[in-house]
Amino acid sequence: MAGPTGSGKTILALNFASNLTSSGRNILYIAFEESAAALKDTLHKLGLVENFEIISMVPEGRTPMEFYAFIKKLIEKESFNVLVIDSLSQ
């Protein structure tokens, strides 16, 4: 999904992840623009369940292949079956 800053993409993604956990899904939420603490605060303000893993990453910290390898390893190790990536800017 795409949209301008402030259009609600993160809130939609958080709702999506929170609602899927209630159906037994194991969610990995990767954030590139907000801290895990800020996302958890938003979850609580929205009254959403925080039963999923949130990891905040610095986009400039790794190459795309390093990100891929890191995320793939996490998914395999923890048996995540849904991946949410928030967000990738140009």
PDB file of N, CA and C in Angstrom:
ATOM      1  N   MET A   1       0.844  -1.157   0.000  1.00  0.00           N
ATOM      2  CA  MET A   1       0.000   0.000   0.000  1.00  0.00           C
ATOM      3  C   MET A   1       0.892   1.224   0.000  1.00  0.00           C
ATOM      4  N   ALA A   2       0.425   2.271  -0.595  1.00  0.00           N
ATOM      5  CA  ALA A   2       1.212   3.498  -0.678  1.00  0.00           C
ATOM      6  C   ALA A   2       0.315   4.682  -0.365  1.00  0.00           C
ATOM      7  N   GLY A   3       0.934   5.740   0.146  1.00  0.00           N
ATOM      8  CA  GLY A   3       0.189   6.947   0.440  1.00  0.00           C
ATOM      9  C   GLY A   3       1.101   7.988   1.039  1.00  0.00           C
ATOM     10  N   PRO A   4       0.640   9.229   1.056  1.00  0.00           N
ATOM     11  CA  PRO A   4       1.465  10.301   1.608  1.00  0.00           C
ATOM     12  C   PRO A   4       1.609  10.171   3.128  1.00  0.00           C
ATOM     13  N   THR A   5       2.598  10.850   3.667  1.00  0.00           N
ATOM     14  CA  THR A   5       2.816  10.882   5.105  1.00  0.00           C
ATOM     15  C   THR A   5       1.550  11.325   5.819  1.00  0.00           C
ATOM     16  N   GLY A   6       1.210  10.602   6.870  1.00  0.00           N
ATOM     17  CA  GLY A   6       0.034  10.954   7.665  1.00  0.00           C
ATOM     18  C   GLY A   6      -1.281  10.426   7.141  1.00  0.00           C
ATOM     19  N   SER A   7      -1.254   9.577   6.118  1.00  0.00           N
ATOM     20  CA  SER A   7      -2.502   9.081   5.534  1.00  0.00           C
ATOM     21  C   SER A   7      -3.061   7.851   6.248  1.00  0.00           C
ATOM     22  N   GLY A   8      -2.320   7.303   7.229  1.00  0.00           N
ATOM     23  CA  GLY A   8      -2.850   6.196   8.023  1.00  0.00           C
ATOM     24  C   GLY A   8      -2.293   4.827   7.697  1.00  0.00           C
ATOM     25  N   LYS A   9      -1.221   4.761   6.927  1.00  0.00           N
ATOM     26  CA  LYS A   9      -0.648   3.460   6.556  1.00  0.00           C
ATOM     27  C   LYS A   9      -0.197   2.667   7.782  1.00  0.00           C
ATOM     28  N   THR A  10       0.487   3.310   8.707  1.00  0.00           N
ATOM     29  CA  THR A  10       0.981   2.622   9.901  1.00  0.00           C
ATOM     30  C   THR A  10      -0.171   2.167  10.783  1.00  0.00           C
ATOM     31  N   ILE A  11      -1.171   3.005  10.954  1.00  0.00           N
ATOM     32  CA  ILE A  11      -2.325   2.620  11.781  1.00  0.00           C
ATOM     33  C   ILE A  11      -3.044   1.428  11.155  1.00  0.00           C
ATOM     34  N   LEU A  12      -3.186   1.429   9.852  1.00  0.00           N
ATOM     35  CA  LEU A  12      -3.796   0.284   9.170  1.00  0.00           C
ATOM     36  C   LEU A  12      -2.957  -0.976   9.370  1.00  0.00           C
ATOM     37  N   ALA A  13      -1.634  -0.852   9.221  1.00  0.00           N
ATOM     38  CA  ALA A  13      -0.743  -2.003   9.394  1.00  0.00           C
ATOM     39  C   ALA A  13      -0.797  -2.529  10.833  1.00  0.00           C
ATOM     40  N   LEU A  14      -0.836  -1.634  11.819  1.00  0.00           N
ATOM     41  CA  LEU A  14      -0.935  -2.056  13.219  1.00  0.00           C
ATOM     42  C   LEU A  14      -2.263  -2.760  13.494  1.00  0.00           C
ATOM     43  N   ASN A  15      -3.343  -2.234  12.940  1.00  0.00           N
ATOM     44  CA  ASN A  15      -4.650  -2.893  13.077  1.00  0.00           C
ATOM     45  C   ASN A  15      -4.623  -4.282  12.456  1.00  0.00           C
ATOM     46  N   PHE A  16      -4.063  -4.379  11.278  1.00  0.00           N
ATOM     47  CA  PHE A  16      -3.939  -5.649  10.564  1.00  0.00           C
ATOM     48  C   PHE A  16      -3.189  -6.666  11.420  1.00  0.00           C
ATOM     49  N   ALA A  17      -2.016  -6.273  11.927  1.00  0.00           N
ATOM     50  CA  ALA A  17      -1.194  -7.181  12.734  1.00  0.00           C
ATOM     51  C   ALA A  17      -1.903  -7.569  14.023  1.00  0.00           C
ATOM     52  N   SER A  18      -2.478  -6.601  14.693  1.00  0.00           N
ATOM     53  CA  SER A  18      -3.164  -6.873  15.959  1.00  0.00           C
ATOM     54  C   SER A  18      -4.343  -7.828  15.767  1.00  0.00           C
ATOM     55  N   ASN A  19      -5.124  -7.593  14.732  1.00  0.00           N
ATOM     56  CA  ASN A  19      -6.287  -8.444  14.482  1.00  0.00           C
ATOM     57  C   ASN A  19      -5.893  -9.855  14.063  1.00  0.00           C
ATOM     58  N   LEU A  20      -4.807  -9.995  13.327  1.00  0.00           N
ATOM     59  CA  LEU A  20      -4.376 -11.334  12.917  1.00  0.00           C
ATOM     60  C   LEU A  20      -3.887 -12.176  14.094  1.00  0.00           C
ATOM     61  N   THR A  21      -3.340 -11.534  15.123  1.00  0.00           N
ATOM     62  CA  THR A  21      -2.874 -12.314  16.280  1.00  0.00           C
ATOM     63  C   THR A  21      -4.035 -13.006  16.971  1.00  0.00           C
ATOM     64  N   SER A  22      -5.214 -12.410  16.923  1.00  0.00           N
ATOM     65  CA  SER A  22      -6.375 -13.034  17.568  1.00  0.00           C
ATOM     66  C   SER A  22      -6.829 -14.287  16.825  1.00  0.00           C
ATOM     67  N   SER A  23      -6.389 -14.454  15.576  1.00  0.00           N
ATOM     68  CA  SER A  23      -6.727 -15.666  14.832  1.00  0.00           C
ATOM     69  C   SER A  23      -5.594 -16.691  14.868  1.00  0.00           C
ATOM     70  N   GLY A  24      -4.628 -16.458  15.786  1.00  0.00           N
ATOM     71  CA  GLY A  24      -3.563 -17.433  15.974  1.00  0.00           C
ATOM     72  C   GLY A  24      -2.344 -17.245  15.096  1.00  0.00           C
ATOM     73  N   ARG A  25      -2.289 -16.156  14.377  1.00  0.00           N
ATOM     74  CA  ARG A  25      -1.126 -15.904  13.519  1.00  0.00           C
ATOM     75  C   ARG A  25       0.055 -15.409  14.348  1.00  0.00           C
ATOM     76  N   ASN A  26       1.255 -15.765  13.918  1.00  0.00           N
ATOM     77  CA  ASN A  26       2.482 -15.320  14.562  1.00  0.00           C
ATOM     78  C   ASN A  26       3.077 -14.224  13.676  1.00  0.00           C
ATOM     79  N   ILE A  27       3.019 -12.972  14.142  1.00  0.00           N
ATOM     80  CA  ILE A  27       3.327 -11.804  13.322  1.00  0.00           C
ATOM     81  C   ILE A  27       4.705 -11.236  13.644  1.00  0.00           C
ATOM     82  N   LEU A  28       5.461 -10.907  12.603  1.00  0.00           N
ATOM     83  CA  LEU A  28       6.701 -10.147  12.732  1.00  0.00           C
ATOM     84  C   LEU A  28       6.458  -8.804  12.043  1.00  0.00           C
ATOM     85  N   TYR A  29       6.591  -7.720  12.812  1.00  0.00           N
ATOM     86  CA  TYR A  29       6.366  -6.365  12.318  1.00  0.00           C
ATOM     87  C   TYR A  29       7.714  -5.654  12.295  1.00  0.00           C
ATOM     88  N   ILE A  30       8.201  -5.333  11.096  1.00  0.00           N
ATOM     89  CA  ILE A  30       9.464  -4.635  10.921  1.00  0.00           C
ATOM     90  C   ILE A  30       9.163  -3.169  10.614  1.00  0.00           C
ATOM     91  N   ALA A  31       9.735  -2.267  11.414  1.00  0.00           N
ATOM     92  CA  ALA A  31       9.533  -0.831  11.215  1.00  0.00           C
ATOM     93  C   ALA A  31      10.845  -0.186  10.801  1.00  0.00           C
ATOM     94  N   PHE A  32      10.805   0.596   9.752  1.00  0.00           N
ATOM     95  CA  PHE A  32      11.991   1.292   9.281  1.00  0.00           C
ATOM     96  C   PHE A  32      11.967   2.781   9.593  1.00  0.00           C
ATOM     97  N   GLU A  33      10.819   3.339   9.968  1.00  0.00           N
ATOM     98  CA  GLU A  33      10.744   4.781  10.183  1.00  0.00           C
ATOM     99  C   GLU A  33      10.318   5.172  11.592  1.00  0.00           C
ATOM    100  N   GLU A  34       9.832   4.247  12.388  1.00  0.00           N
ATOM    101  CA  GLU A  34       9.399   4.561  13.750  1.00  0.00           C
ATOM    102  C   GLU A  34      10.021   3.576  14.721  1.00  0.00           C
ATOM    103  N   SER A  35      10.212   4.026  15.932  1.00  0.00           N
ATOM    104  CA  SER A  35      10.774   3.142  16.954  1.00  0.00           C
ATOM    105  C   SER A  35       9.718   2.157  17.430  1.00  0.00           C
ATOM    106  N   ALA A  36      10.174   1.044  17.960  1.00  0.00           N
ATOM    107  CA  ALA A  36       9.258   0.050  18.523  1.00  0.00           C
ATOM    108  C   ALA A  36       8.444   0.675  19.651  1.00  0.00           C
ATOM    109  N   ALA A  37       9.074   1.518  20.465  1.00  0.00           N
ATOM    110  CA  ALA A  37       8.372   2.172  21.581  1.00  0.00           C
ATOM    111  C   ALA A  37       7.235   3.059  21.070  1.00  0.00           C
ATOM    112  N   ALA A  38       7.483   3.812  20.004  1.00  0.00           N
ATOM    113  CA  ALA A  38       6.443   4.682  19.443  1.00  0.00           C
ATOM    114  C   ALA A  38       5.283   3.855  18.886  1.00  0.00           C
ATOM    115  N   LEU A  39       5.594   2.741  18.241  1.00  0.00           N
ATOM    116  CA  LEU A  39       4.543   1.880  17.693  1.00  0.00           C
ATOM    117  C   LEU A  39       3.730   1.229  18.812  1.00  0.00           C
ATOM    118  N   LYS A  40       4.402   0.797  19.869  1.00  0.00           N
ATOM    119  CA  LYS A  40       3.691   0.201  21.008  1.00  0.00           C
ATOM    120  C   LYS A  40       2.793   1.238  21.672  1.00  0.00           C
ATOM    121  N   ASP A  41       3.259   2.468  21.766  1.00  0.00           N
ATOM    122  CA  ASP A  41       2.443   3.553  22.322  1.00  0.00           C
ATOM    123  C   ASP A  41       1.200   3.767  21.460  1.00  0.00           C
ATOM    124  N   THR A  42       1.370   3.759  20.149  1.00  0.00           N
ATOM    125  CA  THR A  42       0.232   3.914  19.233  1.00  0.00           C
ATOM    126  C   THR A  42      -0.747   2.759  19.402  1.00  0.00           C
ATOM    127  N   LEU A  43      -0.240   1.544  19.518  1.00  0.00           N
ATOM    128  CA  LEU A  43      -1.113   0.384  19.752  1.00  0.00           C
ATOM    129  C   LEU A  43      -1.963   0.574  20.988  1.00  0.00           C
ATOM    130  N   HIS A  44      -1.338   1.001  22.072  1.00  0.00           N
ATOM    131  CA  HIS A  44      -2.063   1.186  23.330  1.00  0.00           C
ATOM    132  C   HIS A  44      -3.099   2.303  23.221  1.00  0.00           C
ATOM    133  N   LYS A  45      -2.747   3.384  22.537  1.00  0.00           N
ATOM    134  CA  LYS A  45      -3.687   4.496  22.356  1.00  0.00           C
ATOM    135  C   LYS A  45      -4.900   4.072  21.544  1.00  0.00           C
ATOM    136  N   LEU A  46      -4.686   3.142  20.610  1.00  0.00           N
ATOM    137  CA  LEU A  46      -5.782   2.648  19.774  1.00  0.00           C
ATOM    138  C   LEU A  46      -6.563   1.516  20.435  1.00  0.00           C
ATOM    139  N   GLY A  47      -6.064   1.046  21.580  1.00  0.00           N
ATOM    140  CA  GLY A  47      -6.722  -0.066  22.270  1.00  0.00           C
ATOM    141  C   GLY A  47      -6.524  -1.396  21.583  1.00  0.00           C
ATOM    142  N   LEU A  48      -5.407  -1.533  20.865  1.00  0.00           N
ATOM    143  CA  LEU A  48      -5.134  -2.761  20.125  1.00  0.00           C
ATOM    144  C   LEU A  48      -4.251  -3.708  20.935  1.00  0.00           C
ATOM    145  N   VAL A  49      -4.367  -4.992  20.637  1.00  0.00           N
ATOM    146  CA  VAL A  49      -3.564  -6.017  21.288  1.00  0.00           C
ATOM    147  C   VAL A  49      -2.154  -5.986  20.727  1.00  0.00           C
ATOM    148  N   GLU A  50      -1.176  -6.119  21.608  1.00  0.00           N
ATOM    149  CA  GLU A  50       0.233  -6.070  21.200  1.00  0.00           C
ATOM    150  C   GLU A  50       0.865  -7.453  21.314  1.00  0.00           C
ATOM    151  N   ASN A  51       0.246  -8.452  20.737  1.00  0.00           N
ATOM    152  CA  ASN A  51       0.751  -9.820  20.817  1.00  0.00           C
ATOM    153  C   ASN A  51       1.560 -10.206  19.591  1.00  0.00           C
ATOM    154  N   PHE A  52       2.454  -9.327  19.176  1.00  0.00           N
ATOM    155  CA  PHE A  52       3.307  -9.644  18.042  1.00  0.00           C
ATOM    156  C   PHE A  52       4.648  -8.958  18.221  1.00  0.00           C
ATOM    157  N   GLU A  53       5.632  -9.462  17.511  1.00  0.00           N
ATOM    158  CA  GLU A  53       7.002  -8.966  17.609  1.00  0.00           C
ATOM    159  C   GLU A  53       7.171  -7.719  16.756  1.00  0.00           C
ATOM    160  N   ILE A  54       7.672  -6.633  17.375  1.00  0.00           N
ATOM    161  CA  ILE A  54       7.977  -5.398  16.650  1.00  0.00           C
ATOM    162  C   ILE A  54       9.485  -5.177  16.713  1.00  0.00           C
ATOM    163  N   ILE A  55      10.085  -5.024  15.554  1.00  0.00           N
ATOM    164  CA  ILE A  55      11.516  -4.746  15.480  1.00  0.00           C
ATOM    165  C   ILE A  55      11.705  -3.484  14.651  1.00  0.00           C
ATOM    166  N   SER A  56      12.423  -2.531  15.221  1.00  0.00           N
ATOM    167  CA  SER A  56      12.724  -1.289  14.527  1.00  0.00           C
ATOM    168  C   SER A  56      14.143  -1.372  13.973  1.00  0.00           C
ATOM    169  N   MET A  57      14.294  -1.019  12.703  1.00  0.00           N
ATOM    170  CA  MET A  57      15.595  -1.093  12.040  1.00  0.00           C
ATOM    171  C   MET A  57      15.941   0.245  11.409  1.00  0.00           C
ATOM    172  N   VAL A  58      17.217   0.542  11.358  1.00  0.00           N
ATOM    173  CA  VAL A  58      17.701   1.755  10.699  1.00  0.00           C
ATOM    174  C   VAL A  58      17.970   1.406   9.235  1.00  0.00           C
ATOM    175  N   PRO A  59      17.260   2.046   8.296  1.00  0.00           N
ATOM    176  CA  PRO A  59      17.414   1.678   6.881  1.00  0.00           C
ATOM    177  C   PRO A  59      18.843   1.764   6.363  1.00  0.00           C
ATOM    178  N   GLU A  60      19.599   2.727   6.872  1.00  0.00           N
ATOM    179  CA  GLU A  60      20.964   2.901   6.388  1.00  0.00           C
ATOM    180  C   GLU A  60      21.936   1.929   7.043  1.00  0.00           C
ATOM    181  N   GLY A  61      21.464   1.131   7.995  1.00  0.00           N
ATOM    182  CA  GLY A  61      22.342   0.270   8.769  1.00  0.00           C
ATOM    183  C   GLY A  61      22.835  -0.978   8.073  1.00  0.00           C
ATOM    184  N   ARG A  62      22.161  -1.412   7.020  1.00  0.00           N
ATOM    185  CA  ARG A  62      22.518  -2.658   6.351  1.00  0.00           C
ATOM    186  C   ARG A  62      22.206  -2.559   4.863  1.00  0.00           C
ATOM    187  N   THR A  63      22.772  -3.481   4.110  1.00  0.00           N
ATOM    188  CA  THR A  63      22.447  -3.569   2.691  1.00  0.00           C
ATOM    189  C   THR A  63      21.110  -4.314   2.548  1.00  0.00           C
ATOM    190  N   PRO A  64      20.457  -4.196   1.407  1.00  0.00           N
ATOM    191  CA  PRO A  64      19.216  -4.956   1.209  1.00  0.00           C
ATOM    192  C   PRO A  64      19.395  -6.463   1.435  1.00  0.00           C
ATOM    193  N   MET A  65      20.505  -7.028   0.998  1.00  0.00           N
ATOM    194  CA  MET A  65      20.735  -8.469   1.203  1.00  0.00           C
ATOM    195  C   MET A  65      20.908  -8.800   2.688  1.00  0.00           C
ATOM    196  N   GLU A  66      21.550  -7.914   3.436  1.00  0.00           N
ATOM    197  CA  GLU A  66      21.696  -8.139   4.878  1.00  0.00           C
ATOM    198  C   GLU A  66      20.338  -8.092   5.576  1.00  0.00           C
ATOM    199  N   PHE A  67      19.486  -7.136   5.166  1.00  0.00           N
ATOM    200  CA  PHE A  67      18.126  -7.090   5.715  1.00  0.00           C
ATOM    201  C   PHE A  67      17.379  -8.376   5.398  1.00  0.00           C
ATOM    202  N   TYR A  68      17.447  -8.797   4.150  1.00  0.00           N
ATOM    203  CA  TYR A  68      16.770 -10.020   3.721  1.00  0.00           C
ATOM    204  C   TYR A  68      17.231 -11.214   4.554  1.00  0.00           C
ATOM    205  N   ALA A  69      18.534 -11.385   4.698  1.00  0.00           N
ATOM    206  CA  ALA A  69      19.074 -12.523   5.451  1.00  0.00           C
ATOM    207  C   ALA A  69      18.648 -12.463   6.920  1.00  0.00           C
ATOM    208  N   PHE A  70      18.684 -11.272   7.516  1.00  0.00           N
ATOM    209  CA  PHE A  70      18.302 -11.108   8.914  1.00  0.00           C
ATOM    210  C   PHE A  70      16.825 -11.444   9.124  1.00  0.00           C
ATOM    211  N   ILE A  71      15.970 -10.894   8.271  1.00  0.00           N
ATOM    212  CA  ILE A  71      14.533 -11.128   8.392  1.00  0.00           C
ATOM    213  C   ILE A  71      14.200 -12.594   8.125  1.00  0.00           C
ATOM    214  N   LYS A  72      14.824 -13.179   7.112  1.00  0.00           N
ATOM    215  CA  LYS A  72      14.597 -14.593   6.794  1.00  0.00           C
ATOM    216  C   LYS A  72      14.973 -15.476   7.980  1.00  0.00           C
ATOM    217  N   LYS A  73      16.090 -15.193   8.609  1.00  0.00           N
ATOM    218  CA  LYS A  73      16.542 -15.967   9.769  1.00  0.00           C
ATOM    219  C   LYS A  73      15.540 -15.842  10.926  1.00  0.00           C
ATOM    220  N   LEU A  74      15.040 -14.622  11.165  1.00  0.00           N
ATOM    221  CA  LEU A  74      14.037 -14.421  12.213  1.00  0.00           C
ATOM    222  C   LEU A  74      12.763 -15.222  11.940  1.00  0.00           C
ATOM    223  N   ILE A  75      12.307 -15.162  10.701  1.00  0.00           N
ATOM    224  CA  ILE A  75      11.074 -15.872  10.322  1.00  0.00           C
ATOM    225  C   ILE A  75      11.236 -17.365  10.535  1.00  0.00           C
ATOM    226  N   GLU A  76      12.347 -17.906  10.121  1.00  0.00           N
ATOM    227  CA  GLU A  76      12.585 -19.344  10.264  1.00  0.00           C
ATOM    228  C   GLU A  76      12.758 -19.747  11.724  1.00  0.00           C
ATOM    229  N   LYS A  77      13.472 -18.951  12.498  1.00  0.00           N
ATOM    230  CA  LYS A  77      13.744 -19.277  13.899  1.00  0.00           C
ATOM    231  C   LYS A  77      12.479 -19.228  14.747  1.00  0.00           C
ATOM    232  N   GLU A  78      11.655 -18.204  14.549  1.00  0.00           N
ATOM    233  CA  GLU A  78      10.479 -17.983  15.396  1.00  0.00           C
ATOM    234  C   GLU A  78       9.173 -18.484  14.763  1.00  0.00           C
ATOM    235  N   SER A  79       9.246 -19.059  13.579  1.00  0.00           N
ATOM    236  CA  SER A  79       8.066 -19.573  12.878  1.00  0.00           C
ATOM    237  C   SER A  79       6.997 -18.503  12.656  1.00  0.00           C
ATOM    238  N   PHE A  80       7.426 -17.298  12.293  1.00  0.00           N
ATOM    239  CA  PHE A  80       6.459 -16.258  11.947  1.00  0.00           C
ATOM    240  C   PHE A  80       5.774 -16.667  10.654  1.00  0.00           C
ATOM    241  N   ASN A  81       4.453 -16.454  10.581  1.00  0.00           N
ATOM    242  CA  ASN A  81       3.761 -16.771   9.339  1.00  0.00           C
ATOM    243  C   ASN A  81       3.163 -15.548   8.655  1.00  0.00           C
ATOM    244  N   VAL A  82       3.358 -14.354   9.261  1.00  0.00           N
ATOM    245  CA  VAL A  82       2.957 -13.106   8.623  1.00  0.00           C
ATOM    246  C   VAL A  82       4.064 -12.091   8.868  1.00  0.00           C
ATOM    247  N   LEU A  83       4.458 -11.399   7.803  1.00  0.00           N
ATOM    248  CA  LEU A  83       5.475 -10.356   7.885  1.00  0.00           C
ATOM    249  C   LEU A  83       4.848  -9.033   7.455  1.00  0.00           C
ATOM    250  N   VAL A  84       4.975  -8.019   8.323  1.00  0.00           N
ATOM    251  CA  VAL A  84       4.531  -6.666   7.995  1.00  0.00           C
ATOM    252  C   VAL A  84       5.783  -5.790   7.960  1.00  0.00           C
ATOM    253  N   ILE A  85       5.984  -5.088   6.844  1.00  0.00           N
ATOM    254  CA  ILE A  85       7.114  -4.163   6.727  1.00  0.00           C
ATOM    255  C   ILE A  85       6.554  -2.758   6.599  1.00  0.00           C
ATOM    256  N   ASP A  86       6.945  -1.882   7.526  1.00  0.00           N
ATOM    257  CA  ASP A  86       6.446  -0.523   7.613  1.00  0.00           C
ATOM    258  C   ASP A  86       7.631   0.408   7.758  1.00  0.00           C
ATOM    259  N   SER A  87       8.016   1.103   6.925  1.00  0.00           N
ATOM    260  CA  SER A  87       7.670   1.300   5.540  1.00  0.00           C
ATOM    261  C   SER A  87       8.949   1.466   4.768  1.00  0.00           C
ATOM    262  N   LEU A  88       8.859   1.351   3.495  1.00  0.00           N
ATOM    263  CA  LEU A  88      10.024   1.491   2.631  1.00  0.00           C
ATOM    264  C   LEU A  88       9.862   2.747   1.788  1.00  0.00           C
ATOM    265  N   SER A  89      10.748   3.697   1.987  1.00  0.00           N
ATOM    266  CA  SER A  89      10.709   4.947   1.217  1.00  0.00           C
ATOM    267  C   SER A  89      11.684   4.866   0.063  1.00  0.00           C
ATOM    268  N   GLN A  90      11.436   5.692  -0.919  1.00  0.00           N
ATOM    269  CA  GLN A  90      12.314   5.716  -2.087  1.00  0.00           C
ATOM    270  C   GLN A  90      13.568   6.476  -1.806  1.00  0.00           C
TER     271      GLN A  90
END
